């Protein structure tokens, strides 16, 4: 309107402003549902964190995938796709128990992110590991994600420190879960 001034609007007055497009963003949430997560409400807290993350991704127009791992193995609860507010409802019936196949879960998450990048082209990928770190496995860092975040649900009084150790070894961000 500044270029137009008091004159009638003409095509020459219009200015094209290119819009910077951001590449797609995929958040892969890997949720520990092992037996140790059932203690002291850790699983409920982790499910709440995962639901919040899905809802945030939906508000931002991002994609999300959700894997769970525990005594029943690794299960894909939400395949990669546009995040929807209703996606957090998939967490409601999730229970826990059994062992902690962490290495298998991370390998599946890594493969999922690699497939998504091949299909979708440039993609900002995030892997969020929600766990208490109570496993004897010492898995290698996933290679596909550009951003790796470990959300630590271990007991604050008797913390084993494994999540912090993995974060240091992997070059990942480490956050203590807040109730």
C-alpha atoms as a PDB file:
ATOM      1  CA  UNK A   1       0.000   0.000   0.000  1.00  0.00           C
ATOM      2  CA  UNK A   2       2.989   2.266   0.533  1.00  0.00           C
ATOM      3  CA  UNK A   3       4.050   1.805  -3.121  1.00  0.00           C
ATOM      4  CA  UNK A   4       0.510   2.596  -4.286  1.00  0.00           C
ATOM      5  CA  UNK A   5       0.164   5.870  -2.407  1.00  0.00           C
ATOM      6  CA  UNK A   6      -3.003   7.832  -3.204  1.00  0.00           C
ATOM      7  CA  UNK A   7      -3.175   6.418  -6.785  1.00  0.00           C
ATOM      8  CA  UNK A   8      -5.599   3.622  -7.736  1.00  0.00           C
ATOM      9  CA  UNK A   9      -4.164   0.132  -7.202  1.00  0.00           C
ATOM     10  CA  UNK A  10      -2.345  -1.233 -10.266  1.00  0.00           C
ATOM     11  CA  UNK A  11      -0.406  -4.422 -10.979  1.00  0.00           C
ATOM     12  CA  UNK A  12       2.898  -2.524 -10.754  1.00  0.00           C
ATOM     13  CA  UNK A  13       2.157  -1.654  -7.118  1.00  0.00           C
ATOM     14  CA  UNK A  14       2.062  -5.304  -6.034  1.00  0.00           C
ATOM     15  CA  UNK A  15       5.208  -6.796  -4.540  1.00  0.00           C
ATOM     16  CA  UNK A  16       6.013 -10.493  -4.364  1.00  0.00           C
ATOM     17  CA  UNK A  17       7.354 -11.676  -1.023  1.00  0.00           C
ATOM     18  CA  UNK A  18       8.718 -15.223  -1.254  1.00  0.00           C
ATOM     19  CA  UNK A  19       7.717 -17.369   1.676  1.00  0.00           C
ATOM     20  CA  UNK A  20      10.470 -19.476   3.152  1.00  0.00           C
ATOM     21  CA  UNK A  21       9.260 -23.055   3.293  1.00  0.00           C
ATOM     22  CA  UNK A  22      10.532 -25.142   6.135  1.00  0.00           C
ATOM     23  CA  UNK A  23      11.281 -28.759   5.496  1.00  0.00           C
ATOM     24  CA  UNK A  24       9.059 -31.353   7.077  1.00  0.00           C
ATOM     25  CA  UNK A  25       9.643 -32.346  10.673  1.00  0.00           C
ATOM     26  CA  UNK A  26       9.139 -35.863  12.027  1.00  0.00           C
ATOM     27  CA  UNK A  27       9.104 -36.631  15.752  1.00  0.00           C
ATOM     28  CA  UNK A  28       9.658 -40.312  16.499  1.00  0.00           C
ATOM     29  CA  UNK A  29       8.648 -41.011  20.100  1.00  0.00           C
ATOM     30  CA  UNK A  30      10.058 -44.223  21.589  1.00  0.00           C
ATOM     31  CA  UNK A  31       8.196 -45.083  24.806  1.00  0.00           C
ATOM     32  CA  UNK A  32       9.518 -47.527  27.407  1.00  0.00           C
ATOM     33  CA  UNK A  33       6.640 -49.682  28.734  1.00  0.00           C
ATOM     34  CA  UNK A  34       8.792 -52.174  30.642  1.00  0.00           C
ATOM     35  CA  UNK A  35       8.014 -53.429  34.137  1.00  0.00           C
ATOM     36  CA  UNK A  36      10.253 -50.868  35.856  1.00  0.00           C
ATOM     37  CA  UNK A  37       8.254 -48.042  34.252  1.00  0.00           C
ATOM     38  CA  UNK A  38       5.122 -49.262  36.054  1.00  0.00           C
ATOM     39  CA  UNK A  39       6.663 -48.404  39.413  1.00  0.00           C
ATOM     40  CA  UNK A  40       5.921 -45.075  41.129  1.00  0.00           C
ATOM     41  CA  UNK A  41       3.716 -43.847  38.289  1.00  0.00           C
ATOM     42  CA  UNK A  42       6.568 -43.486  35.794  1.00  0.00           C
ATOM     43  CA  UNK A  43       4.613 -45.050  32.917  1.00  0.00           C
ATOM     44  CA  UNK A  44       1.611 -42.789  33.480  1.00  0.00           C
ATOM     45  CA  UNK A  45       3.913 -39.766  33.548  1.00  0.00           C
ATOM     46  CA  UNK A  46       5.705 -40.901  30.376  1.00  0.00           C
ATOM     47  CA  UNK A  47       2.387 -41.496  28.591  1.00  0.00           C
ATOM     48  CA  UNK A  48       1.339 -37.983  29.565  1.00  0.00           C
ATOM     49  CA  UNK A  49       4.586 -36.579  28.155  1.00  0.00           C
ATOM     50  CA  UNK A  50       4.113 -38.530  24.909  1.00  0.00           C
ATOM     51  CA  UNK A  51       0.496 -37.344  24.569  1.00  0.00           C
ATOM     52  CA  UNK A  52       1.594 -33.739  25.094  1.00  0.00           C
ATOM     53  CA  UNK A  53       4.326 -34.129  22.461  1.00  0.00           C
ATOM     54  CA  UNK A  54       1.827 -35.523  19.930  1.00  0.00           C
ATOM     55  CA  UNK A  55      -0.571 -32.634  20.608  1.00  0.00           C
ATOM     56  CA  UNK A  56       2.248 -30.076  20.217  1.00  0.00           C
ATOM     57  CA  UNK A  57       3.319 -31.678  16.930  1.00  0.00           C
ATOM     58  CA  UNK A  58      -0.285 -31.493  15.693  1.00  0.00           C
ATOM     59  CA  UNK A  59      -0.487 -27.790  16.541  1.00  0.00           C
ATOM     60  CA  UNK A  60       2.766 -27.133  14.660  1.00  0.00           C
ATOM     61  CA  UNK A  61       1.783 -29.205  11.602  1.00  0.00           C
ATOM     62  CA  UNK A  62       4.564 -31.748  12.169  1.00  0.00           C
ATOM     63  CA  UNK A  63       4.588 -35.480  11.569  1.00  0.00           C
ATOM     64  CA  UNK A  64       4.840 -37.993  14.379  1.00  0.00           C
ATOM     65  CA  UNK A  65       5.506 -41.708  14.879  1.00  0.00           C
ATOM     66  CA  UNK A  66       5.129 -43.627  18.126  1.00  0.00           C
ATOM     67  CA  UNK A  67       6.857 -46.852  19.130  1.00  0.00           C
ATOM     68  CA  UNK A  68       6.505 -48.648  22.436  1.00  0.00           C
ATOM     69  CA  UNK A  69       8.838 -51.295  23.817  1.00  0.00           C
ATOM     70  CA  UNK A  70       8.541 -53.619  26.760  1.00  0.00           C
ATOM     71  CA  UNK A  71       7.858 -57.242  27.625  1.00  0.00           C
ATOM     72  CA  UNK A  72       5.784 -57.751  24.465  1.00  0.00           C
ATOM     73  CA  UNK A  73       8.632 -56.572  22.236  1.00  0.00           C
ATOM     74  CA  UNK A  74       8.507 -53.466  20.060  1.00  0.00           C
ATOM     75  CA  UNK A  75       5.206 -52.231  18.658  1.00  0.00           C
ATOM     76  CA  UNK A  76       4.481 -49.394  16.247  1.00  0.00           C
ATOM     77  CA  UNK A  77       1.450 -47.595  17.714  1.00  0.00           C
ATOM     78  CA  UNK A  78       1.413 -44.667  15.261  1.00  0.00           C
ATOM     79  CA  UNK A  79       3.073 -44.979  11.857  1.00  0.00           C
ATOM     80  CA  UNK A  80       4.789 -41.841  10.544  1.00  0.00           C
ATOM     81  CA  UNK A  81       2.240 -39.311   9.398  1.00  0.00           C
ATOM     82  CA  UNK A  82       0.671 -35.965  10.114  1.00  0.00           C
ATOM     83  CA  UNK A  83       0.189 -35.557  13.856  1.00  0.00           C
ATOM     84  CA  UNK A  84      -3.429 -35.406  14.955  1.00  0.00           C
ATOM     85  CA  UNK A  85      -4.777 -34.408  18.343  1.00  0.00           C
ATOM     86  CA  UNK A  86      -6.613 -37.747  18.404  1.00  0.00           C
ATOM     87  CA  UNK A  87      -3.275 -39.582  18.115  1.00  0.00           C
ATOM     88  CA  UNK A  88      -2.651 -39.109  21.811  1.00  0.00           C
ATOM     89  CA  UNK A  89      -5.684 -41.329  22.470  1.00  0.00           C
ATOM     90  CA  UNK A  90      -3.647 -44.319  21.220  1.00  0.00           C
ATOM     91  CA  UNK A  91      -1.688 -44.096  24.482  1.00  0.00           C
ATOM     92  CA  UNK A  92      -4.676 -44.502  26.790  1.00  0.00           C
ATOM     93  CA  UNK A  93      -4.872 -48.351  26.731  1.00  0.00           C
ATOM     94  CA  UNK A  94      -1.093 -48.887  26.741  1.00  0.00           C
ATOM     95  CA  UNK A  95       0.022 -50.968  29.701  1.00  0.00           C
ATOM     96  CA  UNK A  96       3.448 -52.080  30.777  1.00  0.00           C
ATOM     97  CA  UNK A  97       5.427 -54.995  32.053  1.00  0.00           C
ATOM     98  CA  UNK A  98       8.266 -57.347  31.301  1.00  0.00           C
ATOM     99  CA  UNK A  99      11.722 -56.705  29.940  1.00  0.00           C
ATOM    100  CA  UNK A 100      13.334 -53.783  28.165  1.00  0.00           C
ATOM    101  CA  UNK A 101      14.278 -54.488  24.505  1.00  0.00           C
ATOM    102  CA  UNK A 102      15.880 -51.039  24.154  1.00  0.00           C
ATOM    103  CA  UNK A 103      18.413 -51.908  21.438  1.00  0.00           C
ATOM    104  CA  UNK A 104      15.686 -53.482  19.294  1.00  0.00           C
ATOM    105  CA  UNK A 105      13.425 -50.444  19.765  1.00  0.00           C
ATOM    106  CA  UNK A 106      16.179 -47.998  18.804  1.00  0.00           C
ATOM    107  CA  UNK A 107      17.069 -50.088  15.737  1.00  0.00           C
ATOM    108  CA  UNK A 108      13.424 -50.053  14.602  1.00  0.00           C
ATOM    109  CA  UNK A 109      13.137 -46.314  15.223  1.00  0.00           C
ATOM    110  CA  UNK A 110      16.343 -45.730  13.256  1.00  0.00           C
ATOM    111  CA  UNK A 111      15.035 -47.800  10.325  1.00  0.00           C
ATOM    112  CA  UNK A 112      11.681 -45.983  10.451  1.00  0.00           C
ATOM    113  CA  UNK A 113      13.387 -42.576  10.279  1.00  0.00           C
ATOM    114  CA  UNK A 114      15.640 -43.697   7.409  1.00  0.00           C
ATOM    115  CA  UNK A 115      12.619 -44.946   5.397  1.00  0.00           C
ATOM    116  CA  UNK A 116      10.758 -41.694   6.058  1.00  0.00           C
ATOM    117  CA  UNK A 117      13.715 -39.625   4.863  1.00  0.00           C
ATOM    118  CA  UNK A 118      14.002 -41.681   1.666  1.00  0.00           C
ATOM    119  CA  UNK A 119      10.267 -41.256   0.955  1.00  0.00           C
ATOM    120  CA  UNK A 120       9.831 -37.624   1.987  1.00  0.00           C
ATOM    121  CA  UNK A 121      13.145 -36.107   0.994  1.00  0.00           C
ATOM    122  CA  UNK A 122      14.711 -33.497   3.272  1.00  0.00           C
ATOM    123  CA  UNK A 123      13.239 -34.034   6.694  1.00  0.00           C
ATOM    124  CA  UNK A 124      14.173 -32.660  10.093  1.00  0.00           C
ATOM    125  CA  UNK A 125      14.057 -35.786  12.237  1.00  0.00           C
ATOM    126  CA  UNK A 126      13.781 -35.991  16.005  1.00  0.00           C
ATOM    127  CA  UNK A 127      14.013 -39.118  18.138  1.00  0.00           C
ATOM    128  CA  UNK A 128      12.581 -38.797  21.643  1.00  0.00           C
ATOM    129  CA  UNK A 129      13.465 -41.678  23.985  1.00  0.00           C
ATOM    130  CA  UNK A 130      11.191 -41.753  27.046  1.00  0.00           C
ATOM    131  CA  UNK A 131      12.696 -44.233  29.515  1.00  0.00           C
ATOM    132  CA  UNK A 132      13.898 -44.805  33.048  1.00  0.00           C
ATOM    133  CA  UNK A 133      17.138 -46.353  31.747  1.00  0.00           C
ATOM    134  CA  UNK A 134      16.676 -49.469  33.891  1.00  0.00           C
ATOM    135  CA  UNK A 135      18.190 -51.981  31.507  1.00  0.00           C
ATOM    136  CA  UNK A 136      21.551 -53.682  31.291  1.00  0.00           C
ATOM    137  CA  UNK A 137      21.695 -53.125  27.526  1.00  0.00           C
ATOM    138  CA  UNK A 138      24.233 -50.602  26.286  1.00  0.00           C
ATOM    139  CA  UNK A 139      22.834 -49.768  22.844  1.00  0.00           C
ATOM    140  CA  UNK A 140      24.587 -47.768  20.195  1.00  0.00           C
ATOM    141  CA  UNK A 141      23.279 -44.338  19.252  1.00  0.00           C
ATOM    142  CA  UNK A 142      20.713 -44.208  16.458  1.00  0.00           C
ATOM    143  CA  UNK A 143      22.230 -42.751  13.275  1.00  0.00           C
ATOM    144  CA  UNK A 144      19.205 -41.402  11.376  1.00  0.00           C
ATOM    145  CA  UNK A 145      17.846 -38.642  13.630  1.00  0.00           C
ATOM    146  CA  UNK A 146      19.311 -35.172  13.428  1.00  0.00           C
ATOM    147  CA  UNK A 147      18.148 -34.487  16.983  1.00  0.00           C
ATOM    148  CA  UNK A 148      18.188 -37.049  19.770  1.00  0.00           C
ATOM    149  CA  UNK A 149      16.581 -36.340  23.148  1.00  0.00           C
ATOM    150  CA  UNK A 150      16.449 -38.663  26.153  1.00  0.00           C
ATOM    151  CA  UNK A 151      13.697 -37.870  28.640  1.00  0.00           C
ATOM    152  CA  UNK A 152      14.756 -39.516  31.891  1.00  0.00           C
ATOM    153  CA  UNK A 153      12.009 -41.022  34.083  1.00  0.00           C
ATOM    154  CA  UNK A 154      14.347 -42.746  36.560  1.00  0.00           C
ATOM    155  CA  UNK A 155      13.711 -42.437  40.292  1.00  0.00           C
ATOM    156  CA  UNK A 156      15.299 -39.216  41.550  1.00  0.00           C
ATOM    157  CA  UNK A 157      16.251 -40.810  44.898  1.00  0.00           C
ATOM    158  CA  UNK A 158      17.893 -43.929  43.448  1.00  0.00           C
ATOM    159  CA  UNK A 159      18.889 -42.753  39.990  1.00  0.00           C
ATOM    160  CA  UNK A 160      21.153 -45.176  38.130  1.00  0.00           C
ATOM    161  CA  UNK A 161      22.367 -42.414  35.804  1.00  0.00           C
ATOM    162  CA  UNK A 162      22.178 -44.524  32.645  1.00  0.00           C
ATOM    163  CA  UNK A 163      20.128 -42.009  30.672  1.00  0.00           C
ATOM    164  CA  UNK A 164      22.655 -39.255  31.383  1.00  0.00           C
ATOM    165  CA  UNK A 165      25.500 -41.613  30.426  1.00  0.00           C
ATOM    166  CA  UNK A 166      23.843 -42.517  27.118  1.00  0.00           C
ATOM    167  CA  UNK A 167      23.200 -38.856  26.369  1.00  0.00           C
ATOM    168  CA  UNK A 168      26.864 -38.034  26.947  1.00  0.00           C
ATOM    169  CA  UNK A 169      28.044 -40.968  24.833  1.00  0.00           C
ATOM    170  CA  UNK A 170      25.577 -40.290  22.017  1.00  0.00           C
ATOM    171  CA  UNK A 171      25.820 -36.496  21.954  1.00  0.00           C
ATOM    172  CA  UNK A 172      22.114 -36.332  22.830  1.00  0.00           C
ATOM    173  CA  UNK A 173      20.141 -33.886  24.922  1.00  0.00           C
ATOM    174  CA  UNK A 174      19.152 -35.186  28.366  1.00  0.00           C
ATOM    175  CA  UNK A 175      16.119 -33.944  30.282  1.00  0.00           C
ATOM    176  CA  UNK A 176      14.742 -35.111  33.615  1.00  0.00           C
ATOM    177  CA  UNK A 177      11.010 -35.739  33.413  1.00  0.00           C
ATOM    178  CA  UNK A 178       8.939 -33.277  35.404  1.00  0.00           C
ATOM    179  CA  UNK A 179       5.717 -34.385  37.079  1.00  0.00           C
END
